[in-house]
Protein backbone atom coordinates (compact mmCIF):
# COMPACT_ATOMS: atom_id res chain seq x y z
CA UNK A 1 61.00 113.66 89.47
CA UNK A 2 63.29 113.67 86.45
CA UNK A 3 66.40 113.73 88.66
CA UNK A 4 65.23 110.70 90.61
CA UNK A 5 64.43 108.81 87.41
CA UNK A 6 67.82 109.60 85.88
CA UNK A 7 69.54 108.50 89.10
CA UNK A 8 67.67 105.19 89.05
CA UNK A 9 68.55 104.57 85.41
CA UNK A 10 72.23 105.29 86.04
CA UNK A 11 72.28 102.99 89.07
CA UNK A 12 70.71 100.14 87.12
CA UNK A 13 73.07 100.68 84.17
CA UNK A 14 76.14 100.63 86.39
CA UNK A 15 74.84 97.56 88.18
CA UNK A 16 74.33 95.67 84.92
CA UNK A 17 77.75 96.73 83.67
CA UNK A 18 79.36 95.63 86.91
CA UNK A 19 77.64 92.22 86.72
CA UNK A 20 78.92 91.69 83.18
CA UNK A 21 82.45 92.70 84.10
CA UNK A 22 82.50 90.74 87.36
CA UNK A 23 82.03 87.50 85.42
CA UNK A 24 84.65 88.29 82.80
CA UNK A 25 87.47 90.23 84.42
CA UNK A 26 90.22 89.64 86.93
CA UNK A 27 93.64 91.10 87.74
CA UNK A 28 96.43 89.50 85.67
CA UNK A 29 98.43 86.85 87.50
CA UNK A 30 101.60 88.75 86.58
CA UNK A 31 100.63 91.96 88.39
CA UNK A 32 103.05 91.27 91.23
CA UNK A 33 103.38 89.72 94.68
CA UNK A 34 104.12 92.84 96.73
CA UNK A 35 101.99 95.67 95.40
CA UNK A 36 102.25 99.31 96.46
CA UNK A 37 99.23 101.57 96.06
CA UNK A 38 100.70 105.05 95.86
CA UNK A 39 98.07 107.66 96.74
CA UNK A 40 98.01 111.37 97.55
CA UNK A 41 95.39 111.66 100.31
CA UNK A 42 93.52 109.52 102.82
CA UNK A 43 90.33 108.25 101.12
CA UNK A 44 91.93 107.96 97.63
CA UNK A 45 92.30 104.23 98.22
CA UNK A 46 88.59 103.84 98.94
CA UNK A 47 87.17 106.22 96.32
CA UNK A 48 89.31 105.08 93.40
CA UNK A 49 91.33 101.89 93.91
CA UNK A 50 89.08 99.61 95.99
CA UNK A 51 87.86 97.39 93.07
CA UNK A 52 91.40 96.19 92.41
CA UNK A 53 92.30 95.89 96.08
CA UNK A 54 89.23 93.80 96.89
CA UNK A 55 89.79 91.64 93.80
CA UNK A 56 93.43 90.99 94.69
CA UNK A 57 92.54 89.97 98.23
CA UNK A 58 90.00 87.52 96.84
CA UNK A 59 92.62 85.60 94.81
CA UNK A 60 93.55 82.12 96.02
CA UNK A 61 97.14 83.23 96.49
CA UNK A 62 96.64 86.82 97.52
CA UNK A 63 99.57 89.21 97.03
CA UNK A 64 100.78 91.47 99.81
CA UNK A 65 99.21 94.93 99.58
CA UNK A 66 100.74 98.16 100.82
CA UNK A 67 99.50 101.75 100.87
CA UNK A 68 101.79 104.78 100.82
CA UNK A 69 99.84 108.00 101.29
CA UNK A 70 101.93 111.09 100.62
CA UNK A 71 99.87 113.52 102.72
CA UNK A 72 97.62 113.37 105.78
CA UNK A 73 95.30 115.75 103.89
CA UNK A 74 95.63 118.61 106.36
CA UNK A 75 95.94 122.12 104.88
CA UNK A 76 97.77 124.55 107.13
CA UNK A 77 94.67 126.73 107.35
CA UNK A 78 92.26 123.88 108.12
CA UNK A 79 89.62 124.81 110.74
CA UNK A 80 90.38 121.59 112.62
CA UNK A 81 93.97 121.73 113.92
CA UNK A 82 94.10 117.93 114.31
CA UNK A 83 92.50 117.09 110.96
CA UNK A 84 95.68 115.38 109.71
CA UNK A 85 95.68 113.00 112.68
CA UNK A 86 91.97 112.29 112.23
CA UNK A 87 92.35 111.52 108.54
CA UNK A 88 95.43 109.37 109.13
CA UNK A 89 93.56 107.25 111.66
CA UNK A 90 90.63 106.99 109.24
CA UNK A 91 93.00 105.68 106.57
CA UNK A 92 94.38 103.05 108.93
CA UNK A 93 90.84 101.88 109.67
CA UNK A 94 89.93 101.68 105.98
CA UNK A 95 93.18 99.81 105.30
CA UNK A 96 92.16 97.15 107.78
CA UNK A 97 88.82 96.74 106.02
CA UNK A 98 90.66 96.36 102.70
CA UNK A 99 93.03 93.73 104.11
CA UNK A 100 96.11 95.87 103.50
CA UNK A 101 99.28 94.44 105.02
CA UNK A 102 101.00 97.74 105.82
CA UNK A 103 100.09 101.40 105.48
CA UNK A 104 102.18 104.55 105.88
CA UNK A 105 101.35 108.25 105.73
CA UNK A 106 103.95 110.88 104.90
CA UNK A 107 103.72 114.59 105.74
CA UNK A 108 103.53 116.53 102.47
CA UNK A 109 101.32 119.57 102.91
CA UNK A 110 98.00 119.78 101.11
CA UNK A 111 95.60 122.55 100.17
CA UNK A 112 94.99 125.22 97.50
CA UNK A 113 97.36 127.70 99.14
CA UNK A 114 100.24 125.23 99.44
CA UNK A 115 103.13 125.00 96.95
CA UNK A 116 102.80 122.21 94.41
CA UNK A 117 104.43 118.86 95.00
CA UNK A 118 107.62 118.20 93.03
CA UNK A 119 109.26 115.00 91.87
CA UNK A 120 112.34 115.92 93.89
CA UNK A 121 110.20 115.84 97.04
CA UNK A 122 108.26 112.67 96.25
CA UNK A 123 110.97 110.44 94.73
CA UNK A 124 112.98 109.83 97.95
CA UNK A 125 109.75 108.93 99.78
CA UNK A 126 108.81 106.39 97.13
CA UNK A 127 112.34 104.97 97.13
CA UNK A 128 112.27 104.51 100.90
CA UNK A 129 109.10 102.46 100.94
CA UNK A 130 109.78 100.47 97.76
CA UNK A 131 112.98 99.26 99.40
CA UNK A 132 111.51 98.81 102.89
CA UNK A 133 108.55 96.76 101.67
CA UNK A 134 110.39 95.01 98.79
CA UNK A 135 107.80 96.22 96.28
CA UNK A 136 107.63 94.64 92.81
CA UNK A 137 104.60 96.54 91.45
CA UNK A 138 103.34 100.13 91.90
CA UNK A 139 99.73 101.14 91.27
CA UNK A 140 98.84 104.83 91.09
CA UNK A 141 97.03 107.55 89.12
CA UNK A 142 97.46 108.30 85.44
CA UNK A 143 98.44 111.70 84.05
CA UNK A 144 94.91 113.10 84.51
CA UNK A 145 94.73 112.03 88.15
CA UNK A 146 91.12 110.70 87.87
CA UNK A 147 89.71 113.92 89.34
CA UNK A 148 92.32 116.28 87.93
CA UNK A 149 93.68 117.06 91.41
CA UNK A 150 97.21 118.50 91.07
CA UNK A 151 98.54 116.27 93.84
CA UNK A 152 97.19 113.17 92.09
CA UNK A 153 98.94 114.29 88.91
CA UNK A 154 102.19 115.03 90.77
CA UNK A 155 102.01 111.55 92.31
CA UNK A 156 101.65 110.04 88.83
CA UNK A 157 104.64 111.92 87.43
CA UNK A 158 106.84 110.99 90.38
CA UNK A 159 105.96 107.30 90.07
CA UNK A 160 106.65 107.36 86.33
CA UNK A 161 110.02 109.01 86.92
CA UNK A 162 110.94 106.61 89.70
CA UNK A 163 110.18 103.48 87.69
CA UNK A 164 111.70 104.96 84.53
CA UNK A 165 114.98 105.72 86.33
CA UNK A 166 115.12 102.40 88.16
CA UNK A 167 117.60 99.75 87.06
CA UNK A 168 115.26 97.02 88.26
CA UNK A 169 113.82 94.86 85.51
CA UNK A 170 111.16 93.29 87.77
CA UNK A 171 109.42 96.51 88.81
CA UNK A 172 106.01 97.14 87.25
CA UNK A 173 103.96 100.34 87.12
CA UNK A 174 100.20 100.38 86.56
CA UNK A 175 98.15 103.57 86.08
CA UNK A 176 94.46 103.85 86.94
CA UNK A 177 92.71 105.16 83.80
CA UNK A 178 90.86 108.47 84.11
CA UNK A 179 87.51 108.98 82.39
CA UNK A 180 85.56 112.02 81.31
CA UNK A 181 82.82 113.23 83.63
CA UNK A 182 80.16 111.71 81.39
CA UNK A 183 81.88 108.33 81.25
CA UNK A 184 82.66 108.41 84.95
CA UNK A 185 78.98 108.42 85.86
CA UNK A 186 77.35 106.45 83.06
CA UNK A 187 77.48 103.02 81.49
CA UNK A 188 78.73 104.33 78.14
CA UNK A 189 82.09 102.85 79.15
CA UNK A 190 81.02 99.35 78.14
CA UNK A 191 82.30 99.54 74.57
CA UNK A 192 85.59 101.09 75.63
CA UNK A 193 86.09 98.53 78.40
CA UNK A 194 85.46 95.62 76.04
CA UNK A 195 88.17 96.99 73.77
CA UNK A 196 90.60 97.47 76.65
CA UNK A 197 90.13 93.86 77.75
CA UNK A 198 91.65 92.80 74.42
CA UNK A 199 94.84 94.81 74.90
CA UNK A 200 97.96 93.21 76.34
CA UNK A 201 99.04 96.31 78.23
CA UNK A 202 95.78 96.90 80.12
CA UNK A 203 93.15 95.14 82.17
CA UNK A 204 89.74 95.80 83.67
CA UNK A 205 88.72 94.51 87.07
CA UNK A 206 85.24 94.48 88.59
CA UNK A 207 84.77 95.07 92.29
CA UNK A 208 83.67 91.77 93.89
CA UNK A 209 82.36 93.73 96.89
CA UNK A 210 80.94 97.06 95.59
CA UNK A 211 78.55 97.48 98.52
CA UNK A 212 81.53 97.52 100.90
CA UNK A 213 82.89 100.72 99.35
CA UNK A 214 80.26 102.55 101.38
CA UNK A 215 81.75 101.05 104.56
CA UNK A 216 85.23 102.05 103.44
CA UNK A 217 84.20 105.65 102.95
CA UNK A 218 82.22 105.63 106.18
CA UNK A 219 85.56 104.90 107.87
CA UNK A 220 86.65 108.29 106.49
CA UNK A 221 83.97 109.93 108.58
CA UNK A 222 85.44 113.44 108.42
CA UNK A 223 85.27 113.38 104.60
CA UNK A 224 82.07 111.43 103.97
CA UNK A 225 79.90 114.43 103.09
CA UNK A 226 76.92 114.39 100.75
CA UNK A 227 78.77 114.76 97.43
CA UNK A 228 81.15 111.92 98.28
CA UNK A 229 78.15 109.75 99.15
CA UNK A 230 76.80 110.47 95.67
CA UNK A 231 80.21 109.63 94.21
CA UNK A 232 80.25 106.25 95.95
CA UNK A 233 76.72 105.48 94.77
CA UNK A 234 77.11 106.47 91.12
CA UNK A 235 80.78 106.58 90.16
CA UNK A 236 82.12 103.83 87.93
CA UNK A 237 85.18 103.67 90.21
CA UNK A 238 83.00 101.98 92.83
CA UNK A 239 82.22 99.14 90.44
CA UNK A 240 85.31 98.63 88.29
CA UNK A 241 88.81 99.87 87.50
CA UNK A 242 90.78 99.97 84.27
CA UNK A 243 94.58 99.96 84.42
CA UNK A 244 97.28 100.47 81.83
CA UNK A 245 100.80 99.17 82.25
CA UNK A 246 103.55 101.75 81.99
CA UNK A 247 106.41 99.32 82.54
CA UNK A 248 106.38 95.53 82.52
CA UNK A 249 109.26 93.44 83.83
CA UNK A 250 111.68 92.15 81.22
CA UNK A 251 111.39 88.45 80.56
């Protein structure tokens, strides 16, 4: 059928693009030694940030990786009363597969009927873990939140405010670049990615283990429904990430 043919073409295109990038991209050596991945929900780390995490763990001198998840992803009206506990345990399992050194989950509420997250709520949480884990680099969403989720966007704004207000000159902030729906699922990114690789404030990294993203999401069993399986198979975020630096340390 036409749908099957289009799916095959997209898969091949993404595979070719990944192969090209995998040979020519790597995280910058200056990205940091103790890196915090600041996410909103369990499974964000696997769906969006795994190319960079796998690539960092593959370096000869691998930095320490930490995950701070702001919510267990349990709306108050969820049909499963223990969904937050289930999703938290799923995140811990995925973190082990990623080689994360420490992982923590906070208790901000989630769901369409919940009040929006504010910087005033998030900032003290970020401060606590940056100090506890001696973080020198934060990686999180950009202003579009990849999927446009309001909690992703709130996480971005809080991280920007935290780093912007900090007196530390060694603290970096990197934002994962969001793409349009068309670019997210096609290989038309190639031209844009080539341009971004020439910019001093950004980098592109290919996932050295793209097939393992399926295993990561399988660890999030409660969330691995059909449309997320399609996302893992076809999304560019399975194969590569692009990051822009918001704040570099002063030399």
